[in-house]
Amino acid sequence: LHEGFAMYMQPLYLEWLRGRMYYDAEMLRQRGLIAGKFPMVSGHSRPNGTSESEATDPGTDVYYKGAWILHTLRHQTGDRAFRASMRMLVYGRLDPKPGNSKPRYATSKDYVDAVNRITGKDWGWFFDVYLHSAVMPRLDVERAGGKLKLRWTTDGDRPFPLPVEVRVGERRVRVPMVNGRGEV
């Protein structure tokens, strides 16, 4: 996720500098660059300077898919929790100040643990699908009998109860996705 954070800082800066429309445009551009050929996490840490073989290297997905993971997580947890998780990842504490902290090298597992601790929820299902599966989750939509039926499709049918926000008339509705399925 380190490279994903670096890539995600670009749309965050655009959002701060020019507004949400520029953020959204950059996220859509990055989404189109996700190849989805190999999982982001291979099951073991790679120290700086080492690489995987070409057969399992996620390539540029470490940047673009990493940024999308963070984009999705931020939307689900909110800005306050998202920023706290970044402080915990980088400094190992929520109140870094000169003299009481130093940057540290952390793993993806360290970040998952930090997000779980800060939000008080288990996000293992979220990171499992995004980090250990090559392809992005796909939202299947079906309209029938005046109802909108939603279903997440994931590699290996992994659980993915990520809520979905939809517009119904003039209002936005957050649809809970129990067992990866929801209906409005």
C-alpha atoms as a PDB file:
ATOM      1  CA  LEU A   1       0.000   0.000   0.000  1.00  0.00           C
ATOM      2  CA  HIS A   2       2.969   2.355   0.284  1.00  0.00           C
ATOM      3  CA  GLU A   3       2.927   3.106  -3.435  1.00  0.00           C
ATOM      4  CA  GLY A   4      -0.865   3.390  -3.366  1.00  0.00           C
ATOM      5  CA  PHE A   5      -0.585   6.128  -0.744  1.00  0.00           C
ATOM      6  CA  ALA A   6       1.888   7.998  -2.922  1.00  0.00           C
ATOM      7  CA  MET A   7      -0.460   7.779  -5.931  1.00  0.00           C
ATOM      8  CA  TYR A   8      -3.527   8.679  -3.867  1.00  0.00           C
ATOM      9  CA  MET A   9      -1.905  11.904  -2.677  1.00  0.00           C
ATOM     10  CA  GLN A  10      -2.238  13.293  -6.222  1.00  0.00           C
ATOM     11  CA  PRO A  11      -6.067  13.277  -6.338  1.00  0.00           C
ATOM     12  CA  LEU A  12      -6.188  14.401  -2.699  1.00  0.00           C
ATOM     13  CA  TYR A  13      -4.049  17.403  -3.610  1.00  0.00           C
ATOM     14  CA  LEU A  14      -6.271  18.128  -6.610  1.00  0.00           C
ATOM     15  CA  GLU A  15      -9.329  17.990  -4.348  1.00  0.00           C
ATOM     16  CA  TRP A  16      -7.734  20.484  -1.951  1.00  0.00           C
ATOM     17  CA  LEU A  17      -6.467  22.732  -4.741  1.00  0.00           C
ATOM     18  CA  ARG A  18      -9.335  22.692  -7.266  1.00  0.00           C
ATOM     19  CA  GLY A  19     -12.303  20.842  -5.748  1.00  0.00           C
ATOM     20  CA  ARG A  20     -14.147  17.545  -5.820  1.00  0.00           C
ATOM     21  CA  MET A  21     -14.684  17.463  -9.588  1.00  0.00           C
ATOM     22  CA  TYR A  22     -10.915  17.340 -10.201  1.00  0.00           C
ATOM     23  CA  TYR A  23     -10.512  14.656  -7.540  1.00  0.00           C
ATOM     24  CA  ASP A  24     -13.237  12.544  -9.169  1.00  0.00           C
ATOM     25  CA  ALA A  25     -11.743  13.013 -12.637  1.00  0.00           C
ATOM     26  CA  GLU A  26      -8.309  11.884 -11.461  1.00  0.00           C
ATOM     27  CA  MET A  27      -9.743   8.851  -9.658  1.00  0.00           C
ATOM     28  CA  LEU A  28     -11.610   7.820 -12.820  1.00  0.00           C
ATOM     29  CA  ARG A  29      -8.422   8.231 -14.854  1.00  0.00           C
ATOM     30  CA  GLN A  30      -6.515   6.045 -12.415  1.00  0.00           C
ATOM     31  CA  ARG A  31      -9.298   3.426 -12.385  1.00  0.00           C
ATOM     32  CA  GLY A  32      -8.821   2.952 -16.106  1.00  0.00           C
ATOM     33  CA  LEU A  33      -5.153   2.086 -15.554  1.00  0.00           C
ATOM     34  CA  ILE A  34      -5.741  -0.892 -13.243  1.00  0.00           C
ATOM     35  CA  ALA A  35      -4.647  -4.070 -15.026  1.00  0.00           C
ATOM     36  CA  GLY A  36      -5.825  -6.595 -12.425  1.00  0.00           C
ATOM     37  CA  LYS A  37      -3.486  -9.395 -13.500  1.00  0.00           C
ATOM     38  CA  PHE A  38      -1.917 -10.332 -10.164  1.00  0.00           C
ATOM     39  CA  PRO A  39      -2.780  -9.822  -6.476  1.00  0.00           C
ATOM     40  CA  MET A  40      -1.237  -6.816  -4.752  1.00  0.00           C
ATOM     41  CA  VAL A  41       0.025  -8.888  -1.814  1.00  0.00           C
ATOM     42  CA  SER A  42       1.983 -12.054  -2.473  1.00  0.00           C
ATOM     43  CA  GLY A  43       1.837 -13.433   1.053  1.00  0.00           C
ATOM     44  CA  HIS A  44       5.217 -12.210   2.231  1.00  0.00           C
ATOM     45  CA  SER A  45       6.921  -8.857   2.780  1.00  0.00           C
ATOM     46  CA  ARG A  46       9.366  -7.555   0.231  1.00  0.00           C
ATOM     47  CA  PRO A  47      12.166  -5.464   1.730  1.00  0.00           C
ATOM     48  CA  ASN A  48      13.181  -2.338  -0.178  1.00  0.00           C
ATOM     49  CA  GLY A  49      15.249  -3.149  -3.228  1.00  0.00           C
ATOM     50  CA  THR A  50      13.807  -6.613  -3.884  1.00  0.00           C
ATOM     51  CA  SER A  51      11.213  -7.605  -6.439  1.00  0.00           C
ATOM     52  CA  GLU A  52       8.915 -10.484  -7.267  1.00  0.00           C
ATOM     53  CA  SER A  53       9.329 -12.489 -10.433  1.00  0.00           C
ATOM     54  CA  GLU A  54       7.472 -11.184 -13.474  1.00  0.00           C
ATOM     55  CA  ALA A  55       4.967 -14.019 -13.092  1.00  0.00           C
ATOM     56  CA  THR A  56       3.512 -12.514  -9.901  1.00  0.00           C
ATOM     57  CA  ASP A  57       4.441  -8.820 -10.080  1.00  0.00           C
ATOM     58  CA  PRO A  58       1.366  -6.575  -9.795  1.00  0.00           C
ATOM     59  CA  GLY A  59       3.131  -3.959 -11.957  1.00  0.00           C
ATOM     60  CA  THR A  60       1.502  -0.534 -11.896  1.00  0.00           C
ATOM     61  CA  ASP A  61      -1.460  -1.872  -9.905  1.00  0.00           C
ATOM     62  CA  VAL A  62       0.550  -1.158  -6.751  1.00  0.00           C
ATOM     63  CA  TYR A  63       0.003   2.501  -7.657  1.00  0.00           C
ATOM     64  CA  TYR A  64      -3.444   2.698  -9.250  1.00  0.00           C
ATOM     65  CA  LYS A  65      -5.237  -0.154  -7.496  1.00  0.00           C
ATOM     66  CA  GLY A  66      -3.560   0.903  -4.266  1.00  0.00           C
ATOM     67  CA  ALA A  67      -4.979   4.410  -4.714  1.00  0.00           C
ATOM     68  CA  TRP A  68      -8.449   2.965  -5.407  1.00  0.00           C
ATOM     69  CA  ILE A  69      -8.284   0.826  -2.283  1.00  0.00           C
ATOM     70  CA  LEU A  70      -7.565   3.952  -0.258  1.00  0.00           C
ATOM     71  CA  HIS A  71     -10.237   5.968  -2.091  1.00  0.00           C
ATOM     72  CA  THR A  72     -12.851   3.315  -1.287  1.00  0.00           C
ATOM     73  CA  LEU A  73     -11.697   2.969   2.307  1.00  0.00           C
ATOM     74  CA  ARG A  74     -11.808   6.744   2.854  1.00  0.00           C
ATOM     75  CA  HIS A  75     -15.367   6.852   1.520  1.00  0.00           C
ATOM     76  CA  GLN A  76     -16.425   4.055   3.895  1.00  0.00           C
ATOM     77  CA  THR A  77     -14.633   5.168   7.073  1.00  0.00           C
ATOM     78  CA  GLY A  78     -14.815   8.955   6.717  1.00  0.00           C
ATOM     79  CA  ASP A  79     -12.016  11.485   6.582  1.00  0.00           C
ATOM     80  CA  ARG A  80     -11.283  11.570  10.330  1.00  0.00           C
ATOM     81  CA  ALA A  81     -10.744   7.814  10.666  1.00  0.00           C
ATOM     82  CA  PHE A  82      -8.909   7.649   7.343  1.00  0.00           C
ATOM     83  CA  ARG A  83      -6.421  10.348   8.388  1.00  0.00           C
ATOM     84  CA  ALA A  84      -5.965   8.718  11.792  1.00  0.00           C
ATOM     85  CA  SER A  85      -5.168   5.408  10.083  1.00  0.00           C
ATOM     86  CA  MET A  86      -2.487   7.136   7.995  1.00  0.00           C
ATOM     87  CA  ARG A  87      -0.895   8.684  11.111  1.00  0.00           C
ATOM     88  CA  MET A  88      -0.914   5.297  12.806  1.00  0.00           C
ATOM     89  CA  LEU A  89       0.668   3.656   9.744  1.00  0.00           C
ATOM     90  CA  VAL A  90       3.444   6.214   9.340  1.00  0.00           C
ATOM     91  CA  TYR A  91       4.187   7.094  12.977  1.00  0.00           C
ATOM     92  CA  GLY A  92       2.714   4.251  15.032  1.00  0.00           C
ATOM     93  CA  ARG A  93       0.668   6.731  17.076  1.00  0.00           C
ATOM     94  CA  LEU A  94      -2.200   9.187  16.644  1.00  0.00           C
ATOM     95  CA  ASP A  95      -0.445  12.252  18.083  1.00  0.00           C
ATOM     96  CA  PRO A  96       2.898  12.561  16.281  1.00  0.00           C
ATOM     97  CA  LYS A  97       4.895  15.646  17.208  1.00  0.00           C
ATOM     98  CA  PRO A  98       8.560  16.515  16.837  1.00  0.00           C
ATOM     99  CA  GLY A  99      10.439  14.468  19.380  1.00  0.00           C
ATOM    100  CA  ASN A 100       7.732  11.914  20.229  1.00  0.00           C
ATOM    101  CA  SER A 101       7.739   9.890  17.032  1.00  0.00           C
ATOM    102  CA  LYS A 102       9.714   8.876  14.015  1.00  0.00           C
ATOM    103  CA  PRO A 103       8.643   7.478  10.645  1.00  0.00           C
ATOM    104  CA  ARG A 104       8.596   3.700  10.496  1.00  0.00           C
ATOM    105  CA  TYR A 105       8.384   0.958   7.899  1.00  0.00           C
ATOM    106  CA  ALA A 106       5.076  -0.889   8.206  1.00  0.00           C
ATOM    107  CA  THR A 107       3.438  -3.755   6.361  1.00  0.00           C
ATOM    108  CA  SER A 108      -0.005  -4.074   4.810  1.00  0.00           C
ATOM    109  CA  LYS A 109      -1.003  -6.138   7.851  1.00  0.00           C
ATOM    110  CA  ASP A 110       0.075  -3.265  10.104  1.00  0.00           C
ATOM    111  CA  TYR A 111      -2.233  -0.971   8.164  1.00  0.00           C
ATOM    112  CA  VAL A 112      -5.179  -3.392   8.318  1.00  0.00           C
ATOM    113  CA  ASP A 113      -4.643  -3.644  12.087  1.00  0.00           C
ATOM    114  CA  ALA A 114      -4.542   0.161  12.394  1.00  0.00           C
ATOM    115  CA  VAL A 115      -7.775   0.595  10.410  1.00  0.00           C
ATOM    116  CA  ASN A 116      -9.494  -2.070  12.520  1.00  0.00           C
ATOM    117  CA  ARG A 117      -8.332  -0.437  15.757  1.00  0.00           C
ATOM    118  CA  ILE A 118      -9.317   3.093  14.743  1.00  0.00           C
ATOM    119  CA  THR A 119     -12.727   2.229  13.322  1.00  0.00           C
ATOM    120  CA  GLY A 120     -13.581  -0.466  15.865  1.00  0.00           C
ATOM    121  CA  LYS A 121     -14.580  -2.758  12.977  1.00  0.00           C
ATOM    122  CA  ASP A 122     -13.016  -5.745  11.255  1.00  0.00           C
ATOM    123  CA  TRP A 123     -12.020  -4.714   7.711  1.00  0.00           C
ATOM    124  CA  GLY A 124     -10.337  -8.048   6.944  1.00  0.00           C
ATOM    125  CA  TRP A 125     -12.932  -8.904   4.269  1.00  0.00           C
ATOM    126  CA  PHE A 126     -12.258  -5.562   2.524  1.00  0.00           C
ATOM    127  CA  PHE A 127      -8.489  -5.954   2.417  1.00  0.00           C
ATOM    128  CA  ASP A 128      -8.729  -9.657   1.553  1.00  0.00           C
ATOM    129  CA  VAL A 129     -10.621  -8.912  -1.647  1.00  0.00           C
ATOM    130  CA  TYR A 130      -8.563  -5.885  -2.649  1.00  0.00           C
ATOM    131  CA  LEU A 131      -5.085  -7.106  -1.691  1.00  0.00           C
ATOM    132  CA  HIS A 132      -5.219 -10.871  -2.215  1.00  0.00           C
ATOM    133  CA  SER A 133      -7.284 -10.971  -5.398  1.00  0.00           C
ATOM    134  CA  ALA A 134      -6.036  -9.820  -8.768  1.00  0.00           C
ATOM    135  CA  VAL A 135      -9.348  -8.487 -10.063  1.00  0.00           C
ATOM    136  CA  MET A 136     -11.371  -5.657  -8.583  1.00  0.00           C
ATOM    137  CA  PRO A 137     -14.774  -6.503  -7.111  1.00  0.00           C
ATOM    138  CA  ARG A 138     -17.580  -6.034  -9.648  1.00  0.00           C
ATOM    139  CA  LEU A 139     -21.018  -4.676  -8.809  1.00  0.00           C
ATOM    140  CA  ASP A 140     -23.725  -6.491 -10.774  1.00  0.00           C
ATOM    141  CA  VAL A 141     -27.005  -4.599 -11.118  1.00  0.00           C
ATOM    142  CA  GLU A 142     -30.406  -5.977 -12.084  1.00  0.00           C
ATOM    143  CA  ARG A 143     -33.680  -4.090 -12.395  1.00  0.00           C
ATOM    144  CA  ALA A 144     -36.802  -6.192 -11.976  1.00  0.00           C
ATOM    145  CA  GLY A 145     -40.315  -5.528 -10.738  1.00  0.00           C
ATOM    146  CA  GLY A 146     -39.608  -1.962  -9.665  1.00  0.00           C
ATOM    147  CA  LYS A 147     -36.635  -3.124  -7.580  1.00  0.00           C
ATOM    148  CA  LEU A 148     -32.937  -2.584  -7.987  1.00  0.00           C
ATOM    149  CA  LYS A 149     -30.980  -5.712  -7.070  1.00  0.00           C
ATOM    150  CA  LEU A 150     -27.259  -5.369  -6.374  1.00  0.00           C
ATOM    151  CA  ARG A 151     -24.639  -8.082  -6.005  1.00  0.00           C
ATOM    152  CA  TRP A 152     -20.897  -7.935  -5.495  1.00  0.00           C
ATOM    153  CA  THR A 153     -18.950 -10.465  -7.551  1.00  0.00           C
ATOM    154  CA  THR A 154     -15.472 -11.217  -6.264  1.00  0.00           C
ATOM    155  CA  ASP A 155     -12.670 -13.530  -7.277  1.00  0.00           C
ATOM    156  CA  GLY A 156     -13.216 -16.841  -5.510  1.00  0.00           C
ATOM    157  CA  ASP A 157     -16.610 -15.651  -4.212  1.00  0.00           C
ATOM    158  CA  ARG A 158     -14.922 -13.957  -1.271  1.00  0.00           C
ATOM    159  CA  PRO A 159     -17.287 -12.166   1.136  1.00  0.00           C
ATOM    160  CA  PHE A 160     -17.604  -8.467   0.304  1.00  0.00           C
ATOM    161  CA  PRO A 161     -20.388  -6.683   2.243  1.00  0.00           C
ATOM    162  CA  LEU A 162     -19.346  -3.191   1.096  1.00  0.00           C
ATOM    163  CA  PRO A 163     -22.426  -0.914   1.267  1.00  0.00           C
ATOM    164  CA  VAL A 164     -23.428   0.793  -1.969  1.00  0.00           C
ATOM    165  CA  GLU A 165     -24.799   4.310  -2.291  1.00  0.00           C
ATOM    166  CA  VAL A 166     -27.503   4.766  -4.937  1.00  0.00           C
ATOM    167  CA  ARG A 167     -29.785   7.607  -5.911  1.00  0.00           C
ATOM    168  CA  VAL A 168     -33.501   6.926  -5.690  1.00  0.00           C
ATOM    169  CA  GLY A 169     -35.354   9.906  -7.135  1.00  0.00           C
ATOM    170  CA  GLU A 170     -33.865  12.947  -5.407  1.00  0.00           C
ATOM    171  CA  ARG A 171     -32.456  11.120  -2.401  1.00  0.00           C
ATOM    172  CA  ARG A 172     -29.325   9.083  -1.829  1.00  0.00           C
ATOM    173  CA  VAL A 173     -29.751   5.705  -0.194  1.00  0.00           C
ATOM    174  CA  ARG A 174     -26.983   3.647   1.378  1.00  0.00           C
ATOM    175  CA  VAL A 175     -27.770   0.012   0.619  1.00  0.00           C
ATOM    176  CA  PRO A 176     -26.398  -2.542   3.095  1.00  0.00           C
ATOM    177  CA  MET A 177     -24.937  -5.492   1.214  1.00  0.00           C
ATOM    178  CA  VAL A 178     -25.667  -8.511   3.394  1.00  0.00           C
ATOM    179  CA  ASN A 179     -23.715 -11.473   2.040  1.00  0.00           C
ATOM    180  CA  GLY A 180     -22.669  -9.214  -0.849  1.00  0.00           C
ATOM    181  CA  ARG A 181     -26.288  -8.629  -1.924  1.00  0.00           C
ATOM    182  CA  GLY A 182     -28.664  -5.716  -1.512  1.00  0.00           C
ATOM    183  CA  GLU A 183     -31.981  -4.439  -2.817  1.00  0.00           C
ATOM    184  CA  VAL A 184     -33.765  -1.092  -3.114  1.00  0.00           C
END
